[in-house]
């Protein structure tokens, strides 16, 4: 958890709820942390759409 900076403060033995969007080249393009799971999928899909729109071959 510490390697991913996903430790829940102040309970270091628990993970926070963190989502990552990873680009095809392996870089992290987006990170979203919230204990409320309701927006995780929406936030990551938005990040992927934004990434795709910035790609040279996007239409």
C-alpha atoms as a PDB file:
ATOM      1  CA  UNK A   1       0.000   0.000   0.000  1.00  0.00           C
ATOM      2  CA  UNK A   2       2.807   2.382   0.832  1.00  0.00           C
ATOM      3  CA  UNK A   3       4.436   1.859  -2.576  1.00  0.00           C
ATOM      4  CA  UNK A   4       1.230   3.076  -4.222  1.00  0.00           C
ATOM      5  CA  UNK A   5       0.602   5.819  -1.645  1.00  0.00           C
ATOM      6  CA  UNK A   6      -2.751   4.212  -0.927  1.00  0.00           C
ATOM      7  CA  UNK A   7      -2.574   4.118   2.870  1.00  0.00           C
ATOM      8  CA  UNK A   8      -5.681   5.298   4.680  1.00  0.00           C
ATOM      9  CA  UNK A   9      -4.700   8.041   7.109  1.00  0.00           C
ATOM     10  CA  UNK A  10      -4.776   7.638  10.154  1.00  0.00           C
ATOM     11  CA  UNK A  11      -5.248   3.849   9.845  1.00  0.00           C
ATOM     12  CA  UNK A  12      -2.018   2.808   8.164  1.00  0.00           C
ATOM     13  CA  UNK A  13      -2.934  -0.876   8.129  1.00  0.00           C
ATOM     14  CA  UNK A  14      -5.872  -0.102   5.791  1.00  0.00           C
ATOM     15  CA  UNK A  15      -5.804   0.967   2.168  1.00  0.00           C
ATOM     16  CA  UNK A  16      -7.579   4.027   0.902  1.00  0.00           C
ATOM     17  CA  UNK A  17      -9.849   3.566  -2.092  1.00  0.00           C
ATOM     18  CA  UNK A  18      -7.653   4.678  -4.982  1.00  0.00           C
ATOM     19  CA  UNK A  19      -8.172   4.077  -8.690  1.00  0.00           C
ATOM     20  CA  UNK A  20      -5.452   4.407 -11.312  1.00  0.00           C
ATOM     21  CA  UNK A  21      -5.715   4.754 -15.084  1.00  0.00           C
ATOM     22  CA  UNK A  22      -2.592   3.375 -16.753  1.00  0.00           C
ATOM     23  CA  UNK A  23      -1.578   4.443 -20.261  1.00  0.00           C
ATOM     24  CA  UNK A  24      -0.432   1.818 -22.787  1.00  0.00           C
ATOM     25  CA  UNK A  25       3.180   2.924 -22.207  1.00  0.00           C
ATOM     26  CA  UNK A  26       2.834   2.067 -18.503  1.00  0.00           C
ATOM     27  CA  UNK A  27       2.636   5.596 -17.108  1.00  0.00           C
ATOM     28  CA  UNK A  28      -0.063   6.581 -14.652  1.00  0.00           C
ATOM     29  CA  UNK A  29      -2.329   9.027 -16.453  1.00  0.00           C
ATOM     30  CA  UNK A  30      -4.879   9.565 -13.687  1.00  0.00           C
ATOM     31  CA  UNK A  31      -5.347   8.911  -9.991  1.00  0.00           C
ATOM     32  CA  UNK A  32      -8.586   9.267  -8.061  1.00  0.00           C
ATOM     33  CA  UNK A  33      -8.847   8.741  -4.311  1.00  0.00           C
ATOM     34  CA  UNK A  34     -12.141   8.752  -2.446  1.00  0.00           C
ATOM     35  CA  UNK A  35     -13.732   6.460   0.108  1.00  0.00           C
ATOM     36  CA  UNK A  36     -17.027   6.836  -1.740  1.00  0.00           C
ATOM     37  CA  UNK A  37     -16.914   4.317  -4.614  1.00  0.00           C
ATOM     38  CA  UNK A  38     -19.674   6.021  -6.598  1.00  0.00           C
ATOM     39  CA  UNK A  39     -17.405   8.162  -8.813  1.00  0.00           C
ATOM     40  CA  UNK A  40     -14.374   5.926  -9.354  1.00  0.00           C
ATOM     41  CA  UNK A  41     -15.489   4.368 -12.650  1.00  0.00           C
ATOM     42  CA  UNK A  42     -16.797   7.684 -13.998  1.00  0.00           C
ATOM     43  CA  UNK A  43     -13.570   9.519 -13.111  1.00  0.00           C
ATOM     44  CA  UNK A  44     -11.347   6.876 -14.687  1.00  0.00           C
ATOM     45  CA  UNK A  45     -13.461   6.656 -17.858  1.00  0.00           C
ATOM     46  CA  UNK A  46     -13.322  10.461 -18.152  1.00  0.00           C
ATOM     47  CA  UNK A  47      -9.527  10.333 -17.810  1.00  0.00           C
ATOM     48  CA  UNK A  48      -9.326   7.666 -20.528  1.00  0.00           C
ATOM     49  CA  UNK A  49     -11.546   9.691 -22.859  1.00  0.00           C
ATOM     50  CA  UNK A  50      -9.410  12.795 -22.307  1.00  0.00           C
ATOM     51  CA  UNK A  51      -6.240  10.811 -22.938  1.00  0.00           C
ATOM     52  CA  UNK A  52      -7.666   9.311 -26.123  1.00  0.00           C
ATOM     53  CA  UNK A  53      -8.725  12.745 -27.406  1.00  0.00           C
ATOM     54  CA  UNK A  54      -5.114  13.956 -27.034  1.00  0.00           C
ATOM     55  CA  UNK A  55      -3.710  11.105 -29.127  1.00  0.00           C
ATOM     56  CA  UNK A  56      -2.547  12.011 -32.671  1.00  0.00           C
ATOM     57  CA  UNK A  57      -4.753   9.403 -34.351  1.00  0.00           C
ATOM     58  CA  UNK A  58      -7.943  10.344 -32.433  1.00  0.00           C
ATOM     59  CA  UNK A  59     -10.905  11.382 -34.559  1.00  0.00           C
END
